[in-house]
């Protein structure tokens, strides 16, 4: 089973693919979609849409998982991030791929064991659980892999 984790963002949308083969977890690929920042908002969303569509068409994941938006101090930023998150939910759904959603605390708790773990702790556990992850992947990719790992662990408890 191939799981696509998506960490939605307006500047950087991280994605990561983890294969679950019985009890084994295998790193498959990861990257970041970086929409141009000097174009209008609708075009930025289009770039995220096209990037995720390309990933799905290239790798054909079986399931996907997306991080839920946390509320920022700035409500405008939260609303715009929610629109990017909507794209992250929409693209897999349009391809018939089930989409799960997890809060940041759920992801950290499932991957690290502590719901308020720092980014460095999450990255270290991602690399421990998936030892073939390249050394210099961007933080957004590492976060997306953590989302995919969380989904793998949650599938085990739900199935």
C-alpha atoms as a PDB file:
ATOM      1  CA  UNK A   1       0.000   0.000   0.000  1.00  0.00           C
ATOM      2  CA  UNK A   2       1.402   3.399  -1.032  1.00  0.00           C
ATOM      3  CA  UNK A   3       0.497   6.355   1.196  1.00  0.00           C
ATOM      4  CA  UNK A   4       0.833  10.007   0.115  1.00  0.00           C
ATOM      5  CA  UNK A   5       1.323  12.460   2.969  1.00  0.00           C
ATOM      6  CA  UNK A   6       0.644  16.129   2.199  1.00  0.00           C
ATOM      7  CA  UNK A   7       1.717  19.110   4.313  1.00  0.00           C
ATOM      8  CA  UNK A   8      -0.241  21.968   2.710  1.00  0.00           C
ATOM      9  CA  UNK A   9       1.250  25.434   2.485  1.00  0.00           C
ATOM     10  CA  UNK A  10       1.020  28.503   0.291  1.00  0.00           C
ATOM     11  CA  UNK A  11       4.773  28.901  -0.133  1.00  0.00           C
ATOM     12  CA  UNK A  12       5.788  25.268   0.297  1.00  0.00           C
ATOM     13  CA  UNK A  13       3.497  22.249   0.038  1.00  0.00           C
ATOM     14  CA  UNK A  14       5.433  19.227   1.199  1.00  0.00           C
ATOM     15  CA  UNK A  15       4.657  15.731  -0.017  1.00  0.00           C
ATOM     16  CA  UNK A  16       6.011  12.323   0.906  1.00  0.00           C
ATOM     17  CA  UNK A  17       5.333   8.750  -0.133  1.00  0.00           C
ATOM     18  CA  UNK A  18       5.640   5.786   2.210  1.00  0.00           C
ATOM     19  CA  UNK A  19       5.006   2.203   1.192  1.00  0.00           C
ATOM     20  CA  UNK A  20       3.520  -0.064   3.831  1.00  0.00           C
ATOM     21  CA  UNK A  21       4.374  -3.693   3.125  1.00  0.00           C
ATOM     22  CA  UNK A  22       2.896  -5.731   5.964  1.00  0.00           C
ATOM     23  CA  UNK A  23       4.899  -4.473   8.951  1.00  0.00           C
ATOM     24  CA  UNK A  24       7.629  -2.781   6.885  1.00  0.00           C
ATOM     25  CA  UNK A  25       7.623   0.935   6.132  1.00  0.00           C
ATOM     26  CA  UNK A  26       9.621   1.981   3.072  1.00  0.00           C
ATOM     27  CA  UNK A  27      10.524   5.494   1.920  1.00  0.00           C
ATOM     28  CA  UNK A  28       9.567   5.929  -1.745  1.00  0.00           C
ATOM     29  CA  UNK A  29       9.859   9.645  -2.598  1.00  0.00           C
ATOM     30  CA  UNK A  30       9.409  13.145  -1.214  1.00  0.00           C
ATOM     31  CA  UNK A  31       9.513  16.718  -2.367  1.00  0.00           C
ATOM     32  CA  UNK A  32       8.055  20.183  -2.159  1.00  0.00           C
ATOM     33  CA  UNK A  33       5.761  22.115  -4.468  1.00  0.00           C
ATOM     34  CA  UNK A  34       6.936  25.731  -4.431  1.00  0.00           C
ATOM     35  CA  UNK A  35       4.382  28.008  -6.114  1.00  0.00           C
ATOM     36  CA  UNK A  36       5.719  31.279  -7.423  1.00  0.00           C
ATOM     37  CA  UNK A  37       5.198  34.014  -4.840  1.00  0.00           C
ATOM     38  CA  UNK A  38       4.985  36.900  -7.314  1.00  0.00           C
ATOM     39  CA  UNK A  39       1.765  35.703  -9.006  1.00  0.00           C
ATOM     40  CA  UNK A  40      -1.838  36.166  -7.944  1.00  0.00           C
ATOM     41  CA  UNK A  41      -3.336  33.892  -5.332  1.00  0.00           C
ATOM     42  CA  UNK A  42      -5.533  31.863  -7.702  1.00  0.00           C
ATOM     43  CA  UNK A  43      -2.512  31.006  -9.852  1.00  0.00           C
ATOM     44  CA  UNK A  44      -0.564  29.917  -6.771  1.00  0.00           C
ATOM     45  CA  UNK A  45      -3.404  27.546  -5.895  1.00  0.00           C
ATOM     46  CA  UNK A  46      -3.364  26.307  -9.499  1.00  0.00           C
ATOM     47  CA  UNK A  47       0.351  25.485  -9.199  1.00  0.00           C
ATOM     48  CA  UNK A  48      -0.333  23.469  -6.035  1.00  0.00           C
ATOM     49  CA  UNK A  49      -3.184  21.673  -7.825  1.00  0.00           C
ATOM     50  CA  UNK A  50      -1.026  20.860 -10.847  1.00  0.00           C
ATOM     51  CA  UNK A  51       1.901  19.759  -8.689  1.00  0.00           C
ATOM     52  CA  UNK A  52      -0.193  17.346  -6.640  1.00  0.00           C
ATOM     53  CA  UNK A  53      -1.912  16.056  -9.772  1.00  0.00           C
ATOM     54  CA  UNK A  54       1.491  15.299 -11.310  1.00  0.00           C
ATOM     55  CA  UNK A  55       2.643  13.429  -8.192  1.00  0.00           C
ATOM     56  CA  UNK A  56      -0.518  11.327  -8.112  1.00  0.00           C
ATOM     57  CA  UNK A  57      -0.294  10.552 -11.824  1.00  0.00           C
ATOM     58  CA  UNK A  58       3.373   9.571 -11.497  1.00  0.00           C
ATOM     59  CA  UNK A  59       3.196   7.433  -8.322  1.00  0.00           C
ATOM     60  CA  UNK A  60      -0.460   6.250  -8.110  1.00  0.00           C
ATOM     61  CA  UNK A  61      -0.815   6.225  -4.303  1.00  0.00           C
ATOM     62  CA  UNK A  62      -3.521   4.058  -2.737  1.00  0.00           C
ATOM     63  CA  UNK A  63      -4.408   6.449   0.085  1.00  0.00           C
ATOM     64  CA  UNK A  64      -3.493   9.935   1.215  1.00  0.00           C
ATOM     65  CA  UNK A  65      -3.337  11.923   4.432  1.00  0.00           C
ATOM     66  CA  UNK A  66      -3.376  15.674   4.976  1.00  0.00           C
ATOM     67  CA  UNK A  67      -2.498  17.738   8.013  1.00  0.00           C
ATOM     68  CA  UNK A  68      -5.373  19.755   9.449  1.00  0.00           C
ATOM     69  CA  UNK A  69      -4.909  23.511   9.623  1.00  0.00           C
ATOM     70  CA  UNK A  70      -4.129  25.037  12.969  1.00  0.00           C
ATOM     71  CA  UNK A  71      -5.462  28.520  13.685  1.00  0.00           C
ATOM     72  CA  UNK A  72      -2.843  31.255  13.321  1.00  0.00           C
ATOM     73  CA  UNK A  73      -2.944  34.626  15.053  1.00  0.00           C
ATOM     74  CA  UNK A  74      -3.747  36.191  11.687  1.00  0.00           C
ATOM     75  CA  UNK A  75      -7.198  35.048  10.498  1.00  0.00           C
ATOM     76  CA  UNK A  76      -6.482  36.062   6.879  1.00  0.00           C
ATOM     77  CA  UNK A  77      -3.442  33.793   6.790  1.00  0.00           C
ATOM     78  CA  UNK A  78      -5.457  30.945   8.304  1.00  0.00           C
ATOM     79  CA  UNK A  79      -8.171  31.343   5.661  1.00  0.00           C
ATOM     80  CA  UNK A  80      -5.654  31.379   2.802  1.00  0.00           C
ATOM     81  CA  UNK A  81      -3.875  28.327   4.198  1.00  0.00           C
ATOM     82  CA  UNK A  82      -7.273  26.638   4.411  1.00  0.00           C
ATOM     83  CA  UNK A  83      -7.707  27.183   0.683  1.00  0.00           C
ATOM     84  CA  UNK A  84      -4.357  25.489  -0.020  1.00  0.00           C
ATOM     85  CA  UNK A  85      -5.459  22.685   2.272  1.00  0.00           C
ATOM     86  CA  UNK A  86      -8.686  22.416   0.274  1.00  0.00           C
ATOM     87  CA  UNK A  87      -6.588  21.777  -2.852  1.00  0.00           C
ATOM     88  CA  UNK A  88      -4.639  19.112  -0.932  1.00  0.00           C
ATOM     89  CA  UNK A  89      -7.925  17.375  -0.067  1.00  0.00           C
ATOM     90  CA  UNK A  90      -9.494  17.853  -3.487  1.00  0.00           C
ATOM     91  CA  UNK A  91      -6.771  16.493  -5.775  1.00  0.00           C
ATOM     92  CA  UNK A  92      -6.549  12.978  -4.281  1.00  0.00           C
ATOM     93  CA  UNK A  93     -10.346  12.823  -3.974  1.00  0.00           C
ATOM     94  CA  UNK A  94     -10.740  13.678  -7.671  1.00  0.00           C
ATOM     95  CA  UNK A  95      -8.477  10.713  -8.439  1.00  0.00           C
ATOM     96  CA  UNK A  96     -10.570   8.363  -6.293  1.00  0.00           C
ATOM     97  CA  UNK A  97      -7.965   8.198  -3.525  1.00  0.00           C
ATOM     98  CA  UNK A  98      -9.259   8.105   0.065  1.00  0.00           C
ATOM     99  CA  UNK A  99      -8.109  11.109   2.125  1.00  0.00           C
ATOM    100  CA  UNK A 100      -7.555  11.048   5.893  1.00  0.00           C
ATOM    101  CA  UNK A 101      -6.988  14.120   8.034  1.00  0.00           C
ATOM    102  CA  UNK A 102      -4.863  14.429  11.169  1.00  0.00           C
ATOM    103  CA  UNK A 103      -4.131  17.270  13.560  1.00  0.00           C
ATOM    104  CA  UNK A 104      -0.518  18.330  14.109  1.00  0.00           C
ATOM    105  CA  UNK A 105      -0.675  16.905  17.652  1.00  0.00           C
ATOM    106  CA  UNK A 106      -2.001  13.541  16.398  1.00  0.00           C
ATOM    107  CA  UNK A 107       0.851  13.338  13.886  1.00  0.00           C
ATOM    108  CA  UNK A 108       3.502  14.167  16.477  1.00  0.00           C
ATOM    109  CA  UNK A 109       2.020  11.756  19.009  1.00  0.00           C
ATOM    110  CA  UNK A 110       1.890   8.878  16.507  1.00  0.00           C
ATOM    111  CA  UNK A 111       5.393   9.468  15.100  1.00  0.00           C
ATOM    112  CA  UNK A 112       7.331  10.746  18.129  1.00  0.00           C
ATOM    113  CA  UNK A 113       5.173   9.679  21.058  1.00  0.00           C
ATOM    114  CA  UNK A 114       4.599  13.239  22.295  1.00  0.00           C
ATOM    115  CA  UNK A 115       1.913  15.551  20.936  1.00  0.00           C
ATOM    116  CA  UNK A 116       3.978  18.677  21.445  1.00  0.00           C
ATOM    117  CA  UNK A 117       7.247  17.417  19.932  1.00  0.00           C
ATOM    118  CA  UNK A 118       9.446  19.881  18.070  1.00  0.00           C
ATOM    119  CA  UNK A 119      10.237  19.820  14.345  1.00  0.00           C
ATOM    120  CA  UNK A 120      13.711  18.388  15.025  1.00  0.00           C
ATOM    121  CA  UNK A 121      12.241  15.493  17.011  1.00  0.00           C
ATOM    122  CA  UNK A 122       9.742  14.747  14.229  1.00  0.00           C
ATOM    123  CA  UNK A 123      12.492  14.845  11.593  1.00  0.00           C
ATOM    124  CA  UNK A 124      14.718  12.545  13.673  1.00  0.00           C
ATOM    125  CA  UNK A 125      11.934   9.978  14.086  1.00  0.00           C
ATOM    126  CA  UNK A 126      11.056  10.134  10.370  1.00  0.00           C
ATOM    127  CA  UNK A 127      14.703   9.319   9.598  1.00  0.00           C
ATOM    128  CA  UNK A 128      14.746   6.551  12.233  1.00  0.00           C
ATOM    129  CA  UNK A 129      11.591   4.923  10.878  1.00  0.00           C
ATOM    130  CA  UNK A 130      12.593   5.470   7.233  1.00  0.00           C
ATOM    131  CA  UNK A 131      16.404   5.123   7.183  1.00  0.00           C
ATOM    132  CA  UNK A 132      16.702   5.604   3.403  1.00  0.00           C
ATOM    133  CA  UNK A 133      15.330   9.170   3.499  1.00  0.00           C
ATOM    134  CA  UNK A 134      17.920  11.431   1.824  1.00  0.00           C
ATOM    135  CA  UNK A 135      19.965  13.506   4.246  1.00  0.00           C
ATOM    136  CA  UNK A 136      19.004  16.928   2.932  1.00  0.00           C
ATOM    137  CA  UNK A 137      15.256  16.851   2.302  1.00  0.00           C
ATOM    138  CA  UNK A 138      13.367  20.069   3.078  1.00  0.00           C
ATOM    139  CA  UNK A 139      11.469  20.310   6.395  1.00  0.00           C
ATOM    140  CA  UNK A 140       8.121  20.384   4.550  1.00  0.00           C
ATOM    141  CA  UNK A 141       8.958  17.018   2.952  1.00  0.00           C
ATOM    142  CA  UNK A 142       9.916  15.551   6.320  1.00  0.00           C
ATOM    143  CA  UNK A 143       6.613  16.806   7.763  1.00  0.00           C
ATOM    144  CA  UNK A 144       4.720  15.202   4.855  1.00  0.00           C
ATOM    145  CA  UNK A 145       6.492  11.895   5.489  1.00  0.00           C
ATOM    146  CA  UNK A 146       5.462  12.165   9.163  1.00  0.00           C
ATOM    147  CA  UNK A 147       1.844  12.629   8.025  1.00  0.00           C
ATOM    148  CA  UNK A 148       2.113   9.505   5.839  1.00  0.00           C
ATOM    149  CA  UNK A 149       3.666   7.564   8.740  1.00  0.00           C
ATOM    150  CA  UNK A 150       0.887   8.720  11.070  1.00  0.00           C
ATOM    151  CA  UNK A 151      -1.653   7.390   8.587  1.00  0.00           C
ATOM    152  CA  UNK A 152       0.171   4.046   8.384  1.00  0.00           C
ATOM    153  CA  UNK A 153       0.067   3.739  12.183  1.00  0.00           C
ATOM    154  CA  UNK A 154      -3.567   4.834  12.393  1.00  0.00           C
ATOM    155  CA  UNK A 155      -4.549   2.307   9.697  1.00  0.00           C
ATOM    156  CA  UNK A 156      -3.093  -0.429  11.914  1.00  0.00           C
ATOM    157  CA  UNK A 157      -5.186   0.657  14.885  1.00  0.00           C
ATOM    158  CA  UNK A 158      -8.367   1.155  12.830  1.00  0.00           C
ATOM    159  CA  UNK A 159      -8.182  -1.987  10.677  1.00  0.00           C
END
